[in-house]
């Protein structure tokens, strides 16, 4: 069995093992460590869960998610119903500033607009609606803005890297430009690279993380 075939089978096994994913209609292709997921799932949340399960497999360098969302009859809702439950979910989320996020729903796709200070709030808003019944997809257009200076943001990211026991911060460089955090350097594992990315996303005002760290 080739290396690609072995990796493909490991990903299939991981998807079947993951309880939050119905993997019966998911197809996996592997080339040069890049895993492509195709086929369909019955819930939008399953796309993210399948992607995360695939990333957990050793030697996966990247994931291409081509999964479609094929809702069954019991999972379908009107756009009005989705909008109502989405607004309720956002207002119930204590991480979000009240009435700073707006919702638009078209053909099952939820678009989020607004402005927040932290990227975790950007993600938290999306997570509030991702699992709702009837949602086919989420377009997150929420902007992240902060009044902190560039030097303050860079310092906060560096301090976060130093605190993380899984990361050798001395091997990572951080640059900030208009809300874009660029990470460079070299680490020993994909997990360490992802942890560095998470640390950068946690800084206030960061809108994009370019993780150029090599493994």
C-alpha atoms as a PDB file:
ATOM      1  CA  UNK A   1       0.000   0.000   0.000  1.00  0.00           C
ATOM      2  CA  UNK A   2       1.362   3.438  -0.943  1.00  0.00           C
ATOM      3  CA  UNK A   3       1.910   6.241   1.572  1.00  0.00           C
ATOM      4  CA  UNK A   4      -1.031   8.180   0.072  1.00  0.00           C
ATOM      5  CA  UNK A   5      -3.294   5.125   0.322  1.00  0.00           C
ATOM      6  CA  UNK A   6      -2.281   4.547   3.947  1.00  0.00           C
ATOM      7  CA  UNK A   7      -2.996   8.171   4.817  1.00  0.00           C
ATOM      8  CA  UNK A   8      -6.320   8.014   2.980  1.00  0.00           C
ATOM      9  CA  UNK A   9      -7.378   4.970   5.005  1.00  0.00           C
ATOM     10  CA  UNK A  10      -6.335   6.610   8.286  1.00  0.00           C
ATOM     11  CA  UNK A  11      -8.489   9.651   7.455  1.00  0.00           C
ATOM     12  CA  UNK A  12     -11.452   7.419   6.563  1.00  0.00           C
ATOM     13  CA  UNK A  13     -11.018   5.548   9.855  1.00  0.00           C
ATOM     14  CA  UNK A  14     -10.859   8.833  11.801  1.00  0.00           C
ATOM     15  CA  UNK A  15     -14.005  10.176  10.127  1.00  0.00           C
ATOM     16  CA  UNK A  16     -15.877   6.955  10.900  1.00  0.00           C
ATOM     17  CA  UNK A  17     -14.618   7.115  14.494  1.00  0.00           C
ATOM     18  CA  UNK A  18     -15.732  10.736  15.023  1.00  0.00           C
ATOM     19  CA  UNK A  19     -19.248  10.577  16.595  1.00  0.00           C
ATOM     20  CA  UNK A  20     -20.260  14.066  15.423  1.00  0.00           C
ATOM     21  CA  UNK A  21     -19.820  13.169  11.741  1.00  0.00           C
ATOM     22  CA  UNK A  22     -21.975  10.947   9.536  1.00  0.00           C
ATOM     23  CA  UNK A  23     -19.210   9.806   7.181  1.00  0.00           C
ATOM     24  CA  UNK A  24     -21.283   7.476   5.009  1.00  0.00           C
ATOM     25  CA  UNK A  25     -21.339   9.884   2.057  1.00  0.00           C
ATOM     26  CA  UNK A  26     -17.884  11.452   2.489  1.00  0.00           C
ATOM     27  CA  UNK A  27     -15.145  10.598  -0.015  1.00  0.00           C
ATOM     28  CA  UNK A  28     -11.451  11.142   0.706  1.00  0.00           C
ATOM     29  CA  UNK A  29      -8.643  11.734  -1.779  1.00  0.00           C
ATOM     30  CA  UNK A  30      -4.995  12.321  -0.805  1.00  0.00           C
ATOM     31  CA  UNK A  31      -2.124  13.816  -2.783  1.00  0.00           C
ATOM     32  CA  UNK A  32       1.185  15.066  -1.348  1.00  0.00           C
ATOM     33  CA  UNK A  33      -0.281  15.140   2.154  1.00  0.00           C
ATOM     34  CA  UNK A  34      -3.256  17.267   1.057  1.00  0.00           C
ATOM     35  CA  UNK A  35      -6.607  15.650   1.868  1.00  0.00           C
ATOM     36  CA  UNK A  36      -9.658  16.531  -0.240  1.00  0.00           C
ATOM     37  CA  UNK A  37     -13.082  15.807   1.228  1.00  0.00           C
ATOM     38  CA  UNK A  38     -15.981  15.494  -1.240  1.00  0.00           C
ATOM     39  CA  UNK A  39     -19.504  14.114  -1.226  1.00  0.00           C
ATOM     40  CA  UNK A  40     -22.171  15.467   1.097  1.00  0.00           C
ATOM     41  CA  UNK A  41     -23.291  15.765   4.716  1.00  0.00           C
ATOM     42  CA  UNK A  42     -26.758  16.334   6.127  1.00  0.00           C
ATOM     43  CA  UNK A  43     -25.786  19.261   8.413  1.00  0.00           C
ATOM     44  CA  UNK A  44     -23.545  22.274   7.897  1.00  0.00           C
ATOM     45  CA  UNK A  45     -21.860  21.619  11.247  1.00  0.00           C
ATOM     46  CA  UNK A  46     -20.641  18.270   9.924  1.00  0.00           C
ATOM     47  CA  UNK A  47     -18.415  20.080   7.394  1.00  0.00           C
ATOM     48  CA  UNK A  48     -16.363  21.699  10.146  1.00  0.00           C
ATOM     49  CA  UNK A  49     -16.346  18.542  12.250  1.00  0.00           C
ATOM     50  CA  UNK A  50     -15.106  16.470   9.303  1.00  0.00           C
ATOM     51  CA  UNK A  51     -12.414  19.028   8.553  1.00  0.00           C
ATOM     52  CA  UNK A  52     -11.199  19.044  12.173  1.00  0.00           C
ATOM     53  CA  UNK A  53     -11.183  15.243  12.350  1.00  0.00           C
ATOM     54  CA  UNK A  54      -9.082  15.107   9.174  1.00  0.00           C
ATOM     55  CA  UNK A  55      -6.567  17.618  10.533  1.00  0.00           C
ATOM     56  CA  UNK A  56      -6.019  15.409  13.581  1.00  0.00           C
ATOM     57  CA  UNK A  57      -4.539  12.648  11.443  1.00  0.00           C
ATOM     58  CA  UNK A  58      -0.731  12.579  11.429  1.00  0.00           C
ATOM     59  CA  UNK A  59       1.002  13.670   8.186  1.00  0.00           C
ATOM     60  CA  UNK A  60      -1.999  15.644   6.884  1.00  0.00           C
ATOM     61  CA  UNK A  61      -0.516  18.905   5.615  1.00  0.00           C
ATOM     62  CA  UNK A  62      -3.713  20.614   4.451  1.00  0.00           C
ATOM     63  CA  UNK A  63      -7.434  19.964   3.955  1.00  0.00           C
ATOM     64  CA  UNK A  64      -9.597  20.930   0.981  1.00  0.00           C
ATOM     65  CA  UNK A  65     -13.273  20.848   1.976  1.00  0.00           C
ATOM     66  CA  UNK A  66     -15.532  20.301  -1.037  1.00  0.00           C
ATOM     67  CA  UNK A  67     -18.373  18.771   0.976  1.00  0.00           C
ATOM     68  CA  UNK A  68     -21.908  19.841   0.053  1.00  0.00           C
ATOM     69  CA  UNK A  69     -24.752  20.214   2.555  1.00  0.00           C
ATOM     70  CA  UNK A  70     -27.742  18.114   1.534  1.00  0.00           C
ATOM     71  CA  UNK A  71     -30.535  18.743   4.043  1.00  0.00           C
ATOM     72  CA  UNK A  72     -33.151  16.057   4.521  1.00  0.00           C
ATOM     73  CA  UNK A  73     -36.837  16.894   4.992  1.00  0.00           C
ATOM     74  CA  UNK A  74     -36.686  17.018   8.793  1.00  0.00           C
ATOM     75  CA  UNK A  75     -33.735  19.458   8.691  1.00  0.00           C
ATOM     76  CA  UNK A  76     -35.299  22.054   6.384  1.00  0.00           C
ATOM     77  CA  UNK A  77     -36.493  25.444   7.648  1.00  0.00           C
ATOM     78  CA  UNK A  78     -37.683  28.609   5.974  1.00  0.00           C
ATOM     79  CA  UNK A  79     -35.290  31.565   5.833  1.00  0.00           C
ATOM     80  CA  UNK A  80     -37.556  33.447   8.247  1.00  0.00           C
ATOM     81  CA  UNK A  81     -37.391  30.632  10.794  1.00  0.00           C
ATOM     82  CA  UNK A  82     -33.603  30.442  10.480  1.00  0.00           C
ATOM     83  CA  UNK A  83     -33.275  34.214  10.919  1.00  0.00           C
ATOM     84  CA  UNK A  84     -35.430  34.158  14.058  1.00  0.00           C
ATOM     85  CA  UNK A  85     -33.487  31.379  15.781  1.00  0.00           C
ATOM     86  CA  UNK A  86     -30.153  32.887  14.646  1.00  0.00           C
ATOM     87  CA  UNK A  87     -30.991  36.231  16.261  1.00  0.00           C
ATOM     88  CA  UNK A  88     -32.039  34.460  19.446  1.00  0.00           C
ATOM     89  CA  UNK A  89     -28.779  32.486  19.510  1.00  0.00           C
ATOM     90  CA  UNK A  90     -26.660  35.622  19.000  1.00  0.00           C
ATOM     91  CA  UNK A  91     -28.493  37.581  21.696  1.00  0.00           C
ATOM     92  CA  UNK A  92     -28.007  34.672  24.098  1.00  0.00           C
ATOM     93  CA  UNK A  93     -24.258  34.604  23.478  1.00  0.00           C
ATOM     94  CA  UNK A  94     -22.585  36.371  26.402  1.00  0.00           C
ATOM     95  CA  UNK A  95     -19.343  36.755  24.429  1.00  0.00           C
ATOM     96  CA  UNK A  96     -20.923  39.188  21.969  1.00  0.00           C
ATOM     97  CA  UNK A  97     -21.680  42.905  22.381  1.00  0.00           C
ATOM     98  CA  UNK A  98     -25.437  43.298  22.269  1.00  0.00           C
ATOM     99  CA  UNK A  99     -26.995  44.230  18.920  1.00  0.00           C
ATOM    100  CA  UNK A 100     -23.597  44.620  17.202  1.00  0.00           C
ATOM    101  CA  UNK A 101     -24.116  41.649  14.874  1.00  0.00           C
ATOM    102  CA  UNK A 102     -26.796  41.564  12.179  1.00  0.00           C
ATOM    103  CA  UNK A 103     -28.168  38.567  10.281  1.00  0.00           C
ATOM    104  CA  UNK A 104     -29.284  38.047   6.698  1.00  0.00           C
ATOM    105  CA  UNK A 105     -30.621  34.679   5.484  1.00  0.00           C
ATOM    106  CA  UNK A 106     -31.028  33.644   1.840  1.00  0.00           C
ATOM    107  CA  UNK A 107     -31.738  30.090   0.711  1.00  0.00           C
ATOM    108  CA  UNK A 108     -30.467  28.670   3.999  1.00  0.00           C
ATOM    109  CA  UNK A 109     -27.211  30.654   3.922  1.00  0.00           C
ATOM    110  CA  UNK A 110     -26.641  32.906   6.945  1.00  0.00           C
ATOM    111  CA  UNK A 111     -24.627  36.119   6.469  1.00  0.00           C
ATOM    112  CA  UNK A 112     -23.278  37.823   9.597  1.00  0.00           C
ATOM    113  CA  UNK A 113     -22.345  41.531   9.556  1.00  0.00           C
ATOM    114  CA  UNK A 114     -21.219  43.957  12.221  1.00  0.00           C
ATOM    115  CA  UNK A 115     -18.145  44.974  14.190  1.00  0.00           C
ATOM    116  CA  UNK A 116     -16.404  43.449  17.231  1.00  0.00           C
ATOM    117  CA  UNK A 117     -13.090  44.061  19.009  1.00  0.00           C
ATOM    118  CA  UNK A 118     -11.780  40.500  19.315  1.00  0.00           C
ATOM    119  CA  UNK A 119     -11.428  37.661  16.846  1.00  0.00           C
ATOM    120  CA  UNK A 120     -12.841  35.176  19.368  1.00  0.00           C
ATOM    121  CA  UNK A 121     -16.067  37.203  19.191  1.00  0.00           C
ATOM    122  CA  UNK A 122     -15.990  36.928  15.393  1.00  0.00           C
ATOM    123  CA  UNK A 123     -15.704  33.137  15.718  1.00  0.00           C
ATOM    124  CA  UNK A 124     -18.168  32.923  18.599  1.00  0.00           C
ATOM    125  CA  UNK A 125     -20.880  34.581  16.515  1.00  0.00           C
ATOM    126  CA  UNK A 126     -20.341  32.055  13.730  1.00  0.00           C
ATOM    127  CA  UNK A 127     -20.371  29.141  16.163  1.00  0.00           C
ATOM    128  CA  UNK A 128     -23.706  30.383  17.527  1.00  0.00           C
ATOM    129  CA  UNK A 129     -25.425  29.819  14.179  1.00  0.00           C
ATOM    130  CA  UNK A 130     -23.313  27.065  12.604  1.00  0.00           C
ATOM    131  CA  UNK A 131     -25.209  24.251  14.357  1.00  0.00           C
ATOM    132  CA  UNK A 132     -28.720  25.596  13.839  1.00  0.00           C
ATOM    133  CA  UNK A 133     -31.176  23.340  12.054  1.00  0.00           C
ATOM    134  CA  UNK A 134     -31.699  24.277   8.403  1.00  0.00           C
ATOM    135  CA  UNK A 135     -28.446  26.202   7.956  1.00  0.00           C
ATOM    136  CA  UNK A 136     -26.659  25.329   4.695  1.00  0.00           C
ATOM    137  CA  UNK A 137     -23.700  27.649   5.180  1.00  0.00           C
ATOM    138  CA  UNK A 138     -22.387  30.700   7.028  1.00  0.00           C
ATOM    139  CA  UNK A 139     -20.743  33.780   5.510  1.00  0.00           C
ATOM    140  CA  UNK A 140     -19.005  35.665   8.311  1.00  0.00           C
ATOM    141  CA  UNK A 141     -18.442  39.303   7.285  1.00  0.00           C
ATOM    142  CA  UNK A 142     -18.055  40.617  10.845  1.00  0.00           C
ATOM    143  CA  UNK A 143     -15.141  43.069  11.070  1.00  0.00           C
ATOM    144  CA  UNK A 144     -12.604  42.973  13.895  1.00  0.00           C
ATOM    145  CA  UNK A 145     -11.378  46.407  14.969  1.00  0.00           C
ATOM    146  CA  UNK A 146      -9.301  47.589  17.934  1.00  0.00           C
ATOM    147  CA  UNK A 147      -7.774  50.837  19.176  1.00  0.00           C
ATOM    148  CA  UNK A 148      -4.535  49.165  20.315  1.00  0.00           C
ATOM    149  CA  UNK A 149      -1.227  50.231  18.737  1.00  0.00           C
ATOM    150  CA  UNK A 150       0.703  47.826  16.483  1.00  0.00           C
ATOM    151  CA  UNK A 151       3.498  47.479  19.047  1.00  0.00           C
ATOM    152  CA  UNK A 152       0.983  46.518  21.738  1.00  0.00           C
ATOM    153  CA  UNK A 153      -0.596  43.834  19.541  1.00  0.00           C
ATOM    154  CA  UNK A 154       2.788  42.382  18.573  1.00  0.00           C
ATOM    155  CA  UNK A 155       3.858  42.313  22.229  1.00  0.00           C
ATOM    156  CA  UNK A 156       0.657  40.546  23.289  1.00  0.00           C
ATOM    157  CA  UNK A 157       1.088  37.848  20.620  1.00  0.00           C
ATOM    158  CA  UNK A 158       4.737  37.287  21.562  1.00  0.00           C
ATOM    159  CA  UNK A 159       3.846  36.996  25.255  1.00  0.00           C
ATOM    160  CA  UNK A 160       1.119  34.468  24.408  1.00  0.00           C
ATOM    161  CA  UNK A 161       3.610  32.380  22.428  1.00  0.00           C
ATOM    162  CA  UNK A 162       6.065  32.403  25.343  1.00  0.00           C
ATOM    163  CA  UNK A 163       3.368  31.285  27.790  1.00  0.00           C
ATOM    164  CA  UNK A 164       2.315  28.311  25.656  1.00  0.00           C
ATOM    165  CA  UNK A 165       4.238  25.228  26.768  1.00  0.00           C
ATOM    166  CA  UNK A 166       3.709  23.578  23.365  1.00  0.00           C
ATOM    167  CA  UNK A 167       5.507  26.341  21.442  1.00  0.00           C
ATOM    168  CA  UNK A 168       9.185  27.279  21.168  1.00  0.00           C
ATOM    169  CA  UNK A 169       8.608  31.030  20.861  1.00  0.00           C
ATOM    170  CA  UNK A 170      12.280  31.699  20.092  1.00  0.00           C
ATOM    171  CA  UNK A 171      11.799  30.049  16.679  1.00  0.00           C
ATOM    172  CA  UNK A 172       8.824  32.253  15.668  1.00  0.00           C
ATOM    173  CA  UNK A 173       8.804  35.823  14.331  1.00  0.00           C
ATOM    174  CA  UNK A 174       5.701  38.052  14.428  1.00  0.00           C
ATOM    175  CA  UNK A 175       4.908  41.011  12.156  1.00  0.00           C
ATOM    176  CA  UNK A 176       1.778  43.209  12.322  1.00  0.00           C
ATOM    177  CA  UNK A 177       0.470  45.366   9.478  1.00  0.00           C
ATOM    178  CA  UNK A 178      -3.020  46.915   9.529  1.00  0.00           C
ATOM    179  CA  UNK A 179      -4.554  44.064  11.503  1.00  0.00           C
ATOM    180  CA  UNK A 180      -2.696  41.354   9.569  1.00  0.00           C
ATOM    181  CA  UNK A 181      -0.475  39.163  11.759  1.00  0.00           C
ATOM    182  CA  UNK A 182       2.227  37.314   9.824  1.00  0.00           C
ATOM    183  CA  UNK A 183       3.996  34.424  11.543  1.00  0.00           C
ATOM    184  CA  UNK A 184       7.249  33.000  10.229  1.00  0.00           C
ATOM    185  CA  UNK A 185       9.898  30.601  11.485  1.00  0.00           C
ATOM    186  CA  UNK A 186      10.136  26.862  11.959  1.00  0.00           C
ATOM    187  CA  UNK A 187       8.526  24.410  14.389  1.00  0.00           C
ATOM    188  CA  UNK A 188       8.603  20.660  14.944  1.00  0.00           C
ATOM    189  CA  UNK A 189       4.942  19.755  14.370  1.00  0.00           C
ATOM    190  CA  UNK A 190       1.681  20.797  12.698  1.00  0.00           C
ATOM    191  CA  UNK A 191       0.096  21.042  16.171  1.00  0.00           C
ATOM    192  CA  UNK A 192       2.742  23.566  17.240  1.00  0.00           C
ATOM    193  CA  UNK A 193       2.101  25.603  14.078  1.00  0.00           C
ATOM    194  CA  UNK A 194      -1.659  25.617  14.772  1.00  0.00           C
ATOM    195  CA  UNK A 195      -1.114  26.635  18.412  1.00  0.00           C
ATOM    196  CA  UNK A 196       0.949  29.607  17.234  1.00  0.00           C
ATOM    197  CA  UNK A 197      -1.858  30.562  14.862  1.00  0.00           C
ATOM    198  CA  UNK A 198      -4.434  30.366  17.665  1.00  0.00           C
ATOM    199  CA  UNK A 199      -2.255  32.621  19.815  1.00  0.00           C
ATOM    200  CA  UNK A 200      -2.110  35.239  17.059  1.00  0.00           C
ATOM    201  CA  UNK A 201      -5.874  35.098  16.498  1.00  0.00           C
ATOM    202  CA  UNK A 202      -6.406  35.803  20.212  1.00  0.00           C
ATOM    203  CA  UNK A 203      -4.894  39.285  19.984  1.00  0.00           C
ATOM    204  CA  UNK A 204      -7.297  42.264  19.810  1.00  0.00           C
ATOM    205  CA  UNK A 205      -7.769  43.798  16.374  1.00  0.00           C
ATOM    206  CA  UNK A 206      -6.209  40.949  14.393  1.00  0.00           C
ATOM    207  CA  UNK A 207      -8.304  40.406  11.266  1.00  0.00           C
ATOM    208  CA  UNK A 208      -6.047  38.024   9.307  1.00  0.00           C
ATOM    209  CA  UNK A 209      -3.354  35.566  10.373  1.00  0.00           C
ATOM    210  CA  UNK A 210      -0.825  34.545   7.730  1.00  0.00           C
ATOM    211  CA  UNK A 211       0.756  31.453   9.219  1.00  0.00           C
ATOM    212  CA  UNK A 212       3.942  31.042   7.195  1.00  0.00           C
ATOM    213  CA  UNK A 213       5.617  28.875   9.803  1.00  0.00           C
ATOM    214  CA  UNK A 214       7.229  25.806   8.280  1.00  0.00           C
ATOM    215  CA  UNK A 215       7.145  22.375   9.880  1.00  0.00           C
END
